[in-house]
Amino acid sequence: MSKPIKINFSVGGTPVVNYDGTSDFTTDTQEVCFNHVWSFQVEDNTTGGNPNYTIEVSNDGSTWTSYFNNAENIPLDESYEDNRLAFLYMRIVYNATGVSSGTVTFNLVLKR
């Protein structure tokens, strides 16, 4: 039995673990080399506002689009999952939208 792969996204080369949730940011590009079943969940410790995130994908690392329309402006308390990931690259666009304090952590889990 193989174990799932857990990925924490980074911003500026620093893993996004308890990252400042008061400012908008886009994570670094994460290369995903295999077509996996995957799930995405955010650890939300923010206060105030209406923060959200968008999952973006690319096949060349420079032309980005949202994964699907329902992968745009996802509230932090909602997870996202799918049974395939055919794109080569993924990143997260975070919108703080009025957050007064707190942190966020983005977790991607790949399963075979």
PDB file of N, CA and C in Angstrom:
ATOM      1  N   MET A   1       0.843  -1.172   0.000  1.00  0.00           N
ATOM      2  CA  MET A   1       0.000   0.000   0.000  1.00  0.00           C
ATOM      3  C   MET A   1       0.890   1.238   0.000  1.00  0.00           C
ATOM      4  N   SER A   2       0.661   2.126  -0.939  1.00  0.00           N
ATOM      5  CA  SER A   2       1.462   3.344  -1.000  1.00  0.00           C
ATOM      6  C   SER A   2       0.836   4.425  -0.127  1.00  0.00           C
ATOM      7  N   LYS A   3       1.683   5.273   0.397  1.00  0.00           N
ATOM      8  CA  LYS A   3       1.230   6.366   1.249  1.00  0.00           C
ATOM      9  C   LYS A   3       0.909   7.583   0.402  1.00  0.00           C
ATOM     10  N   PRO A   4      -0.038   8.403   0.833  1.00  0.00           N
ATOM     11  CA  PRO A   4      -0.343   9.631   0.091  1.00  0.00           C
ATOM     12  C   PRO A   4       0.835  10.600   0.174  1.00  0.00           C
ATOM     13  N   ILE A   5       0.906  11.499  -0.785  1.00  0.00           N
ATOM     14  CA  ILE A   5       1.919  12.543  -0.818  1.00  0.00           C
ATOM     15  C   ILE A   5       1.263  13.829  -0.351  1.00  0.00           C
ATOM     16  N   LYS A   6       1.836  14.473   0.653  1.00  0.00           N
ATOM     17  CA  LYS A   6       1.291  15.731   1.162  1.00  0.00           C
ATOM     18  C   LYS A   6       2.217  16.869   0.765  1.00  0.00           C
ATOM     19  N   ILE A   7       1.661  17.909   0.166  1.00  0.00           N
ATOM     20  CA  ILE A   7       2.440  19.049  -0.307  1.00  0.00           C
ATOM     21  C   ILE A   7       1.921  20.316   0.355  1.00  0.00           C
ATOM     22  N   ASN A   8       2.836  21.078   0.939  1.00  0.00           N
ATOM     23  CA  ASN A   8       2.517  22.429   1.406  1.00  0.00           C
ATOM     24  C   ASN A   8       3.062  23.391   0.367  1.00  0.00           C
ATOM     25  N   PHE A   9       2.226  24.281  -0.137  1.00  0.00           N
ATOM     26  CA  PHE A   9       2.660  25.254  -1.124  1.00  0.00           C
ATOM     27  C   PHE A   9       3.602  26.264  -0.471  1.00  0.00           C
ATOM     28  N   SER A  10       4.376  26.956  -1.285  1.00  0.00           N
ATOM     29  CA  SER A  10       5.305  27.958  -0.765  1.00  0.00           C
ATOM     30  C   SER A  10       5.040  29.314  -1.428  1.00  0.00           C
ATOM     31  N   VAL A  11       5.531  30.351  -0.783  1.00  0.00           N
ATOM     32  CA  VAL A  11       5.487  31.703  -1.321  1.00  0.00           C
ATOM     33  C   VAL A  11       6.892  32.260  -1.158  1.00  0.00           C
ATOM     34  N   GLY A  12       7.527  32.620  -2.253  1.00  0.00           N
ATOM     35  CA  GLY A  12       8.896  33.126  -2.189  1.00  0.00           C
ATOM     36  C   GLY A  12       9.873  32.097  -1.650  1.00  0.00           C
ATOM     37  N   GLY A  13       9.576  30.823  -1.876  1.00  0.00           N
ATOM     38  CA  GLY A  13      10.455  29.752  -1.431  1.00  0.00           C
ATOM     39  C   GLY A  13      10.227  29.283  -0.001  1.00  0.00           C
ATOM     40  N   THR A  14       9.341  29.939   0.728  1.00  0.00           N
ATOM     41  CA  THR A  14       9.042  29.566   2.108  1.00  0.00           C
ATOM     42  C   THR A  14       7.735  28.787   2.142  1.00  0.00           C
ATOM     43  N   PRO A  15       7.730  27.553   2.724  1.00  0.00           N
ATOM     44  CA  PRO A  15       6.482  26.786   2.786  1.00  0.00           C
ATOM     45  C   PRO A  15       5.355  27.589   3.428  1.00  0.00           C
ATOM     46  N   VAL A  16       4.171  27.493   2.857  1.00  0.00           N
ATOM     47  CA  VAL A  16       3.016  28.232   3.360  1.00  0.00           C
ATOM     48  C   VAL A  16       2.395  27.427   4.503  1.00  0.00           C
ATOM     49  N   VAL A  17       3.045  27.484   5.643  1.00  0.00           N
ATOM     50  CA  VAL A  17       2.523  26.878   6.865  1.00  0.00           C
ATOM     51  C   VAL A  17       2.318  28.030   7.826  1.00  0.00           C
ATOM     52  N   ASN A  18       1.074  28.233   8.213  1.00  0.00           N
ATOM     53  CA  ASN A  18       0.729  29.375   9.057  1.00  0.00           C
ATOM     54  C   ASN A  18       1.197  30.685   8.417  1.00  0.00           C
ATOM     55  N   TYR A  19       0.851  30.858   7.140  1.00  0.00           N
ATOM     56  CA  TYR A  19       1.235  32.046   6.397  1.00  0.00           C
ATOM     57  C   TYR A  19       0.296  33.201   6.740  1.00  0.00           C
ATOM     58  N   ASP A  20       0.819  34.404   6.751  1.00  0.00           N
ATOM     59  CA  ASP A  20       0.039  35.597   7.089  1.00  0.00           C
ATOM     60  C   ASP A  20      -1.193  35.695   6.196  1.00  0.00           C
ATOM     61  N   GLY A  21      -2.383  35.635   6.795  1.00  0.00           N
ATOM     62  CA  GLY A  21      -3.631  35.665   6.058  1.00  0.00           C
ATOM     63  C   GLY A  21      -4.207  37.048   5.840  1.00  0.00           C
ATOM     64  N   THR A  22      -3.483  38.095   6.224  1.00  0.00           N
ATOM     65  CA  THR A  22      -4.024  39.449   6.103  1.00  0.00           C
ATOM     66  C   THR A  22      -3.725  40.105   4.758  1.00  0.00           C
ATOM     67  N   SER A  23      -2.895  39.484   3.924  1.00  0.00           N
ATOM     68  CA  SER A  23      -2.529  40.051   2.621  1.00  0.00           C
ATOM     69  C   SER A  23      -2.769  39.041   1.503  1.00  0.00           C
ATOM     70  N   ASP A  24      -3.146  39.547   0.339  1.00  0.00           N
ATOM     71  CA  ASP A  24      -3.297  38.697  -0.841  1.00  0.00           C
ATOM     72  C   ASP A  24      -1.935  38.138  -1.251  1.00  0.00           C
ATOM     73  N   PHE A  25      -1.914  36.937  -1.807  1.00  0.00           N
ATOM     74  CA  PHE A  25      -0.682  36.388  -2.355  1.00  0.00           C
ATOM     75  C   PHE A  25      -0.999  35.276  -3.346  1.00  0.00           C
ATOM     76  N   THR A  26      -0.016  34.951  -4.167  1.00  0.00           N
ATOM     77  CA  THR A  26      -0.069  33.816  -5.078  1.00  0.00           C
ATOM     78  C   THR A  26       1.090  32.909  -4.709  1.00  0.00           C
ATOM     79  N   THR A  27       0.812  31.634  -4.531  1.00  0.00           N
ATOM     80  CA  THR A  27       1.870  30.710  -4.144  1.00  0.00           C
ATOM     81  C   THR A  27       2.844  30.501  -5.294  1.00  0.00           C
ATOM     82  N   ASP A  28       3.989  29.952  -4.959  1.00  0.00           N
ATOM     83  CA  ASP A  28       4.932  29.522  -5.984  1.00  0.00           C
ATOM     84  C   ASP A  28       4.290  28.399  -6.790  1.00  0.00           C
ATOM     85  N   THR A  29       4.825  28.157  -7.965  1.00  0.00           N
ATOM     86  CA  THR A  29       4.347  27.079  -8.823  1.00  0.00           C
ATOM     87  C   THR A  29       4.737  25.733  -8.225  1.00  0.00           C
ATOM     88  N   GLN A  30       3.782  24.827  -8.169  1.00  0.00           N
ATOM     89  CA  GLN A  30       4.035  23.465  -7.700  1.00  0.00           C
ATOM     90  C   GLN A  30       3.937  22.521  -8.899  1.00  0.00           C
ATOM     91  N   GLU A  31       5.014  21.821  -9.204  1.00  0.00           N
ATOM     92  CA  GLU A  31       4.993  20.855 -10.295  1.00  0.00           C
ATOM     93  C   GLU A  31       4.355  19.564  -9.791  1.00  0.00           C
ATOM     94  N   VAL A  32       3.423  19.025 -10.567  1.00  0.00           N
ATOM     95  CA  VAL A  32       2.758  17.761 -10.218  1.00  0.00           C
ATOM     96  C   VAL A  32       2.976  16.821 -11.393  1.00  0.00           C
ATOM     97  N   CYS A  33       3.843  15.827 -11.203  1.00  0.00           N
ATOM     98  CA  CYS A  33       4.314  14.996 -12.319  1.00  0.00           C
ATOM     99  C   CYS A  33       3.434  13.783 -12.615  1.00  0.00           C
ATOM    100  N   PHE A  34       2.441  13.513 -11.804  1.00  0.00           N
ATOM    101  CA  PHE A  34       1.621  12.328 -12.009  1.00  0.00           C
ATOM    102  C   PHE A  34       0.148  12.687 -11.948  1.00  0.00           C
ATOM    103  N   ASN A  35      -0.660  11.948 -12.653  1.00  0.00           N
ATOM    104  CA  ASN A  35      -2.101  12.146 -12.646  1.00  0.00           C
ATOM    105  C   ASN A  35      -2.678  11.398 -11.442  1.00  0.00           C
ATOM    106  N   HIS A  36      -2.961  12.117 -10.373  1.00  0.00           N
ATOM    107  CA  HIS A  36      -3.389  11.535  -9.108  1.00  0.00           C
ATOM    108  C   HIS A  36      -4.827  11.909  -8.756  1.00  0.00           C
ATOM    109  N   VAL A  37      -5.434  11.100  -7.912  1.00  0.00           N
ATOM    110  CA  VAL A  37      -6.605  11.532  -7.160  1.00  0.00           C
ATOM    111  C   VAL A  37      -6.061  12.513  -6.132  1.00  0.00           C
ATOM    112  N   TRP A  38      -6.762  13.622  -5.934  1.00  0.00           N
ATOM    113  CA  TRP A  38      -6.207  14.624  -5.033  1.00  0.00           C
ATOM    114  C   TRP A  38      -7.290  15.323  -4.234  1.00  0.00           C
ATOM    115  N   SER A  39      -6.855  15.882  -3.124  1.00  0.00           N
ATOM    116  CA  SER A  39      -7.749  16.690  -2.297  1.00  0.00           C
ATOM    117  C   SER A  39      -6.979  17.905  -1.816  1.00  0.00           C
ATOM    118  N   PHE A  40      -7.712  18.963  -1.643  1.00  0.00           N
ATOM    119  CA  PHE A  40      -7.112  20.225  -1.248  1.00  0.00           C
ATOM    120  C   PHE A  40      -7.897  20.768  -0.072  1.00  0.00           C
ATOM    121  N   GLN A  41      -7.179  21.140   0.989  1.00  0.00           N
ATOM    122  CA  GLN A  41      -7.834  21.661   2.173  1.00  0.00           C
ATOM    123  C   GLN A  41      -6.999  22.792   2.744  1.00  0.00           C
ATOM    124  N   VAL A  42      -7.661  23.772   3.319  1.00  0.00           N
ATOM    125  CA  VAL A  42      -6.996  24.927   3.914  1.00  0.00           C
ATOM    126  C   VAL A  42      -7.192  24.898   5.419  1.00  0.00           C
ATOM    127  N   GLU A  43      -6.109  25.112   6.151  1.00  0.00           N
ATOM    128  CA  GLU A  43      -6.215  25.313   7.591  1.00  0.00           C
ATOM    129  C   GLU A  43      -6.378  26.817   7.789  1.00  0.00           C
ATOM    130  N   ASP A  44      -7.570  27.224   8.177  1.00  0.00           N
ATOM    131  CA  ASP A  44      -7.938  28.630   8.273  1.00  0.00           C
ATOM    132  C   ASP A  44      -7.954  29.076   9.724  1.00  0.00           C
ATOM    133  N   ASN A  45      -7.048  29.968  10.064  1.00  0.00           N
ATOM    134  CA  ASN A  45      -7.012  30.562  11.397  1.00  0.00           C
ATOM    135  C   ASN A  45      -7.133  32.082  11.302  1.00  0.00           C
ATOM    136  N   THR A  46      -7.914  32.546  10.324  1.00  0.00           N
ATOM    137  CA  THR A  46      -8.067  33.984  10.118  1.00  0.00           C
ATOM    138  C   THR A  46      -9.246  34.524  10.916  1.00  0.00           C
ATOM    139  N   THR A  47      -9.220  35.837  11.126  1.00  0.00           N
ATOM    140  CA  THR A  47     -10.294  36.533  11.824  1.00  0.00           C
ATOM    141  C   THR A  47     -10.809  37.653  10.934  1.00  0.00           C
ATOM    142  N   GLY A  48     -12.136  37.730  10.814  1.00  0.00           N
ATOM    143  CA  GLY A  48     -12.753  38.797  10.043  1.00  0.00           C
ATOM    144  C   GLY A  48     -12.680  38.573   8.549  1.00  0.00           C
ATOM    145  N   GLY A  49     -13.355  39.415   7.826  1.00  0.00           N
ATOM    146  CA  GLY A  49     -13.308  39.390   6.380  1.00  0.00           C
ATOM    147  C   GLY A  49     -14.011  38.210   5.748  1.00  0.00           C
ATOM    148  N   ASN A  50     -13.741  38.043   4.466  1.00  0.00           N
ATOM    149  CA  ASN A  50     -14.337  36.979   3.672  1.00  0.00           C
ATOM    150  C   ASN A  50     -13.270  36.404   2.735  1.00  0.00           C
ATOM    151  N   PRO A  51     -12.209  35.791   3.285  1.00  0.00           N
ATOM    152  CA  PRO A  51     -11.107  35.315   2.456  1.00  0.00           C
ATOM    153  C   PRO A  51     -11.518  34.133   1.570  1.00  0.00           C
ATOM    154  N   ASN A  52     -10.815  33.999   0.451  1.00  0.00           N
ATOM    155  CA  ASN A  52     -11.086  32.890  -0.463  1.00  0.00           C
ATOM    156  C   ASN A  52      -9.827  32.555  -1.249  1.00  0.00           C
ATOM    157  N   TYR A  53      -9.884  31.465  -1.997  1.00  0.00           N
ATOM    158  CA  TYR A  53      -8.749  31.072  -2.824  1.00  0.00           C
ATOM    159  C   TYR A  53      -9.239  30.524  -4.153  1.00  0.00           C
ATOM    160  N   THR A  54      -8.357  30.594  -5.150  1.00  0.00           N
ATOM    161  CA  THR A  54      -8.622  30.048  -6.473  1.00  0.00           C
ATOM    162  C   THR A  54      -7.505  29.079  -6.810  1.00  0.00           C
ATOM    163  N   ILE A  55      -7.853  27.910  -7.329  1.00  0.00           N
ATOM    164  CA  ILE A  55      -6.871  26.927  -7.769  1.00  0.00           C
ATOM    165  C   ILE A  55      -6.602  27.184  -9.247  1.00  0.00           C
ATOM    166  N   GLU A  56      -5.343  27.488  -9.570  1.00  0.00           N
ATOM    167  CA  GLU A  56      -4.958  27.719 -10.957  1.00  0.00           C
ATOM    168  C   GLU A  56      -4.025  26.608 -11.441  1.00  0.00           C
ATOM    169  N   VAL A  57      -4.115  26.294 -12.732  1.00  0.00           N
ATOM    170  CA  VAL A  57      -3.299  25.233 -13.329  1.00  0.00           C
ATOM    171  C   VAL A  57      -2.668  25.726 -14.636  1.00  0.00           C
ATOM    172  N   SER A  58      -1.616  25.015 -15.042  1.00  0.00           N
ATOM    173  CA  SER A  58      -0.898  25.378 -16.257  1.00  0.00           C
ATOM    174  C   SER A  58      -0.171  24.160 -16.805  1.00  0.00           C
ATOM    175  N   ASN A  59       0.052  24.141 -18.092  1.00  0.00           N
ATOM    176  CA  ASN A  59       0.885  23.094 -18.688  1.00  0.00           C
ATOM    177  C   ASN A  59       2.255  23.613 -19.091  1.00  0.00           C
ATOM    178  N   ASP A  60       2.448  24.941 -19.069  1.00  0.00           N
ATOM    179  CA  ASP A  60       3.755  25.484 -19.440  1.00  0.00           C
ATOM    180  C   ASP A  60       4.405  26.314 -18.321  1.00  0.00           C
ATOM    181  N   GLY A  61       3.717  26.501 -17.207  1.00  0.00           N
ATOM    182  CA  GLY A  61       4.263  27.246 -16.081  1.00  0.00           C
ATOM    183  C   GLY A  61       4.178  28.750 -16.234  1.00  0.00           C
ATOM    184  N   SER A  62       3.580  29.230 -17.330  1.00  0.00           N
ATOM    185  CA  SER A  62       3.455  30.673 -17.494  1.00  0.00           C
ATOM    186  C   SER A  62       2.051  31.113 -17.906  1.00  0.00           C
ATOM    187  N   THR A  63       1.281  30.257 -18.541  1.00  0.00           N
ATOM    188  CA  THR A  63      -0.095  30.558 -18.918  1.00  0.00           C
ATOM    189  C   THR A  63      -1.012  29.879 -17.910  1.00  0.00           C
ATOM    190  N   TRP A  64      -1.708  30.676 -17.096  1.00  0.00           N
ATOM    191  CA  TRP A  64      -2.508  30.150 -15.993  1.00  0.00           C
ATOM    192  C   TRP A  64      -3.997  30.334 -16.241  1.00  0.00           C
ATOM    193  N   THR A  65      -4.779  29.364 -15.774  1.00  0.00           N
ATOM    194  CA  THR A  65      -6.231  29.440 -15.826  1.00  0.00           C
ATOM    195  C   THR A  65      -6.774  28.758 -14.576  1.00  0.00           C
ATOM    196  N   SER A  66      -7.997  29.092 -14.186  1.00  0.00           N
ATOM    197  CA  SER A  66      -8.574  28.404 -13.033  1.00  0.00           C
ATOM    198  C   SER A  66      -8.826  26.937 -13.401  1.00  0.00           C
ATOM    199  N   TYR A  67      -8.718  26.075 -12.413  1.00  0.00           N
ATOM    200  CA  TYR A  67      -8.881  24.636 -12.646  1.00  0.00           C
ATOM    201  C   TYR A  67     -10.238  24.353 -13.285  1.00  0.00           C
ATOM    202  N   PHE A  68     -11.291  24.801 -12.682  1.00  0.00           N
ATOM    203  CA  PHE A  68     -12.651  24.800 -13.217  1.00  0.00           C
ATOM    204  C   PHE A  68     -13.323  26.061 -12.687  1.00  0.00           C
ATOM    205  N   ASN A  69     -14.484  26.410 -13.233  1.00  0.00           N
ATOM    206  CA  ASN A  69     -15.196  27.591 -12.723  1.00  0.00           C
ATOM    207  C   ASN A  69     -15.495  27.475 -11.238  1.00  0.00           C
ATOM    208  N   ASN A  70     -15.783  26.257 -10.757  1.00  0.00           N
ATOM    209  CA  ASN A  70     -16.083  26.112  -9.334  1.00  0.00           C
ATOM    210  C   ASN A  70     -14.815  26.060  -8.473  1.00  0.00           C
ATOM    211  N   ALA A  71     -13.650  26.260  -9.089  1.00  0.00           N
ATOM    212  CA  ALA A  71     -12.388  26.339  -8.350  1.00  0.00           C
ATOM    213  C   ALA A  71     -11.948  27.795  -8.195  1.00  0.00           C
ATOM    214  N   GLU A  72     -12.871  28.714  -8.367  1.00  0.00           N
ATOM    215  CA  GLU A  72     -12.597  30.136  -8.228  1.00  0.00           C
ATOM    216  C   GLU A  72     -13.276  30.686  -6.982  1.00  0.00           C
ATOM    217  N   ASN A  73     -12.561  31.526  -6.258  1.00  0.00           N
ATOM    218  CA  ASN A  73     -13.109  32.212  -5.072  1.00  0.00           C
ATOM    219  C   ASN A  73     -13.759  31.244  -4.094  1.00  0.00           C
ATOM    220  N   ILE A  74     -13.062  30.171  -3.781  1.00  0.00           N
ATOM    221  CA  ILE A  74     -13.551  29.150  -2.845  1.00  0.00           C
ATOM    222  C   ILE A  74     -13.386  29.678  -1.418  1.00  0.00           C
ATOM    223  N   PRO A  75     -14.445  29.684  -0.614  1.00  0.00           N
ATOM    224  CA  PRO A  75     -14.293  30.090   0.793  1.00  0.00           C
ATOM    225  C   PRO A  75     -13.282  29.175   1.501  1.00  0.00           C
ATOM    226  N   LEU A  76     -12.535  29.732   2.450  1.00  0.00           N
ATOM    227  CA  LEU A  76     -11.487  28.951   3.120  1.00  0.00           C
ATOM    228  C   LEU A  76     -12.021  27.745   3.870  1.00  0.00           C
ATOM    229  N   ASP A  77     -13.288  27.762   4.258  1.00  0.00           N
ATOM    230  CA  ASP A  77     -13.827  26.619   4.999  1.00  0.00           C
ATOM    231  C   ASP A  77     -14.323  25.496   4.087  1.00  0.00           C
ATOM    232  N   GLU A  78     -14.111  25.637   2.768  1.00  0.00           N
ATOM    233  CA  GLU A  78     -14.515  24.593   1.831  1.00  0.00           C
ATOM    234  C   GLU A  78     -13.283  23.901   1.258  1.00  0.00           C
ATOM    235  N   SER A  79     -13.329  22.577   1.219  1.00  0.00           N
ATOM    236  CA  SER A  79     -12.255  21.807   0.609  1.00  0.00           C
ATOM    237  C   SER A  79     -12.573  21.594  -0.865  1.00  0.00           C
ATOM    238  N   TYR A  80     -11.627  21.006  -1.590  1.00  0.00           N
ATOM    239  CA  TYR A  80     -11.809  20.752  -3.015  1.00  0.00           C
ATOM    240  C   TYR A  80     -11.122  19.437  -3.325  1.00  0.00           C
ATOM    241  N   GLU A  81     -11.739  18.630  -4.171  1.00  0.00           N
ATOM    242  CA  GLU A  81     -11.126  17.357  -4.536  1.00  0.00           C
ATOM    243  C   GLU A  81     -11.543  16.945  -5.937  1.00  0.00           C
ATOM    244  N   ASP A  82     -10.729  16.085  -6.537  1.00  0.00           N
ATOM    245  CA  ASP A  82     -11.037  15.573  -7.864  1.00  0.00           C
ATOM    246  C   ASP A  82     -10.328  14.229  -8.027  1.00  0.00           C
ATOM    247  N   ASN A  83     -10.725  13.490  -9.039  1.00  0.00           N
ATOM    248  CA  ASN A  83     -10.138  12.163  -9.231  1.00  0.00           C
ATOM    249  C   ASN A  83      -9.064  12.145 -10.310  1.00  0.00           C
ATOM    250  N   ARG A  84      -8.649  13.322 -10.772  1.00  0.00           N
ATOM    251  CA  ARG A  84      -7.553  13.396 -11.742  1.00  0.00           C
ATOM    252  C   ARG A  84      -6.905  14.771 -11.659  1.00  0.00           C
ATOM    253  N   LEU A  85      -5.670  14.823 -12.076  1.00  0.00           N
ATOM    254  CA  LEU A  85      -4.963  16.094 -12.185  1.00  0.00           C
ATOM    255  C   LEU A  85      -3.988  15.961 -13.346  1.00  0.00           C
ATOM    256  N   ALA A  86      -4.468  16.272 -14.532  1.00  0.00           N
ATOM    257  CA  ALA A  86      -3.690  16.073 -15.749  1.00  0.00           C
ATOM    258  C   ALA A  86      -2.741  17.231 -16.047  1.00  0.00           C
ATOM    259  N   PHE A  87      -2.889  18.363 -15.381  1.00  0.00           N
ATOM    260  CA  PHE A  87      -2.018  19.510 -15.627  1.00  0.00           C
ATOM    261  C   PHE A  87      -0.651  19.290 -15.001  1.00  0.00           C
ATOM    262  N   LEU A  88       0.354  19.970 -15.525  1.00  0.00           N
ATOM    263  CA  LEU A  88       1.722  19.818 -15.033  1.00  0.00           C
ATOM    264  C   LEU A  88       2.031  20.700 -13.825  1.00  0.00           C
ATOM    265  N   TYR A  89       1.342  21.841 -13.726  1.00  0.00           N
ATOM    266  CA  TYR A  89       1.645  22.796 -12.664  1.00  0.00           C
ATOM    267  C   TYR A  89       0.368  23.291 -11.993  1.00  0.00           C
ATOM    268  N   MET A  90       0.519  23.642 -10.724  1.00  0.00           N
ATOM    269  CA  MET A  90      -0.604  24.149  -9.945  1.00  0.00           C
ATOM    270  C   MET A  90      -0.095  25.268  -9.047  1.00  0.00           C
ATOM    271  N   ARG A  91      -0.966  26.219  -8.759  1.00  0.00           N
ATOM    272  CA  ARG A  91      -0.665  27.253  -7.779  1.00  0.00           C
ATOM    273  C   ARG A  91      -1.982  27.723  -7.171  1.00  0.00           C
ATOM    274  N   ILE A  92      -1.879  28.467  -6.078  1.00  0.00           N
ATOM    275  CA  ILE A  92      -3.046  28.964  -5.363  1.00  0.00           C
ATOM    276  C   ILE A  92      -2.989  30.487  -5.332  1.00  0.00           C
ATOM    277  N   VAL A  93      -4.114  31.125  -5.643  1.00  0.00           N
ATOM    278  CA  VAL A  93      -4.242  32.576  -5.520  1.00  0.00           C
ATOM    279  C   VAL A  93      -5.145  32.829  -4.315  1.00  0.00           C
ATOM    280  N   TYR A  94      -4.593  33.474  -3.301  1.00  0.00           N
ATOM    281  CA  TYR A  94      -5.307  33.752  -2.058  1.00  0.00           C
ATOM    282  C   TYR A  94      -5.735  35.214  -2.024  1.00  0.00           C
ATOM    283  N   ASN A  95      -7.000  35.453  -1.669  1.00  0.00           N
ATOM    284  CA  ASN A  95      -7.549  36.802  -1.526  1.00  0.00           C
ATOM    285  C   ASN A  95      -7.955  37.020  -0.071  1.00  0.00           C
ATOM    286  N   ALA A  96      -7.266  37.916   0.607  1.00  0.00           N
ATOM    287  CA  ALA A  96      -7.519  38.154   2.032  1.00  0.00           C
ATOM    288  C   ALA A  96      -8.890  38.785   2.274  1.00  0.00           C
ATOM    289  N   THR A  97      -9.358  39.639   1.420  1.00  0.00           N
ATOM    290  CA  THR A  97     -10.676  40.265   1.454  1.00  0.00           C
ATOM    291  C   THR A  97     -11.132  40.627   2.873  1.00  0.00           C
ATOM    292  N   GLY A  98     -10.408  41.550   3.496  1.00  0.00           N
ATOM    293  CA  GLY A  98     -10.829  42.096   4.783  1.00  0.00           C
ATOM    294  C   GLY A  98     -10.384  41.349   6.026  1.00  0.00           C
ATOM    295  N   VAL A  99      -9.506  40.374   5.907  1.00  0.00           N
ATOM    296  CA  VAL A  99      -9.019  39.638   7.087  1.00  0.00           C
ATOM    297  C   VAL A  99      -8.225  40.599   7.971  1.00  0.00           C
ATOM    298  N   SER A 100      -8.528  40.605   9.273  1.00  0.00           N
ATOM    299  CA  SER A 100      -7.852  41.511  10.198  1.00  0.00           C
ATOM    300  C   SER A 100      -6.657  40.873  10.889  1.00  0.00           C
ATOM    301  N   SER A 101      -6.659  39.544  11.016  1.00  0.00           N
ATOM    302  CA  SER A 101      -5.525  38.847  11.641  1.00  0.00           C
ATOM    303  C   SER A 101      -5.628  37.360  11.334  1.00  0.00           C
ATOM    304  N   GLY A 102      -4.543  36.649  11.589  1.00  0.00           N
ATOM    305  CA  GLY A 102      -4.571  35.201  11.454  1.00  0.00           C
ATOM    306  C   GLY A 102      -3.690  34.652  10.346  1.00  0.00           C
ATOM    307  N   THR A 103      -3.712  33.323  10.234  1.00  0.00           N
ATOM    308  CA  THR A 103      -2.849  32.612   9.295  1.00  0.00           C
ATOM    309  C   THR A 103      -3.636  31.590   8.489  1.00  0.00           C
ATOM    310  N   VAL A 104      -3.039  31.181   7.366  1.00  0.00           N
ATOM    311  CA  VAL A 104      -3.604  30.119   6.529  1.00  0.00           C
ATOM    312  C   VAL A 104      -2.500  29.135   6.155  1.00  0.00           C
ATOM    313  N   THR A 105      -2.882  27.881   5.963  1.00  0.00           N
ATOM    314  CA  THR A 105      -1.978  26.844   5.486  1.00  0.00           C
ATOM    315  C   THR A 105      -2.698  26.076   4.393  1.00  0.00           C
ATOM    316  N   PHE A 106      -2.054  25.911   3.249  1.00  0.00           N
ATOM    317  CA  PHE A 106      -2.639  25.195   2.125  1.00  0.00           C
ATOM    318  C   PHE A 106      -2.050  23.792   2.047  1.00  0.00           C
ATOM    319  N   ASN A 107      -2.910  22.778   2.032  1.00  0.00           N
ATOM    320  CA  ASN A 107      -2.480  21.385   1.999  1.00  0.00           C
ATOM    321  C   ASN A 107      -3.044  20.684   0.777  1.00  0.00           C
ATOM    322  N   LEU A 108      -2.178  20.106  -0.027  1.00  0.00           N
ATOM    323  CA  LEU A 108      -2.569  19.309  -1.185  1.00  0.00           C
ATOM    324  C   LEU A 108      -2.145  17.882  -0.894  1.00  0.00           C
ATOM    325  N   VAL A 109      -3.076  16.929  -1.010  1.00  0.00           N
ATOM    326  CA  VAL A 109      -2.757  15.523  -0.802  1.00  0.00           C
ATOM    327  C   VAL A 109      -3.028  14.779  -2.097  1.00  0.00           C
ATOM    328  N   LEU A 110      -2.017  14.052  -2.575  1.00  0.00           N
ATOM    329  CA  LEU A 110      -2.127  13.242  -3.779  1.00  0.00           C
ATOM    330  C   LEU A 110      -2.194  11.783  -3.378  1.00  0.00           C
ATOM    331  N   LYS A 111      -3.143  11.048  -3.973  1.00  0.00           N
ATOM    332  CA  LYS A 111      -3.270   9.609  -3.709  1.00  0.00           C
ATOM    333  C   LYS A 111      -3.232   8.883  -5.039  1.00  0.00           C
ATOM    334  N   ARG A 112      -2.706   7.703  -5.022  1.00  0.00           N
ATOM    335  CA  ARG A 112      -2.649   6.897  -6.259  1.00  0.00           C
ATOM    336  C   ARG A 112      -3.923   6.122  -6.438  1.00  0.00           C
TER     337      ARG A 112
END
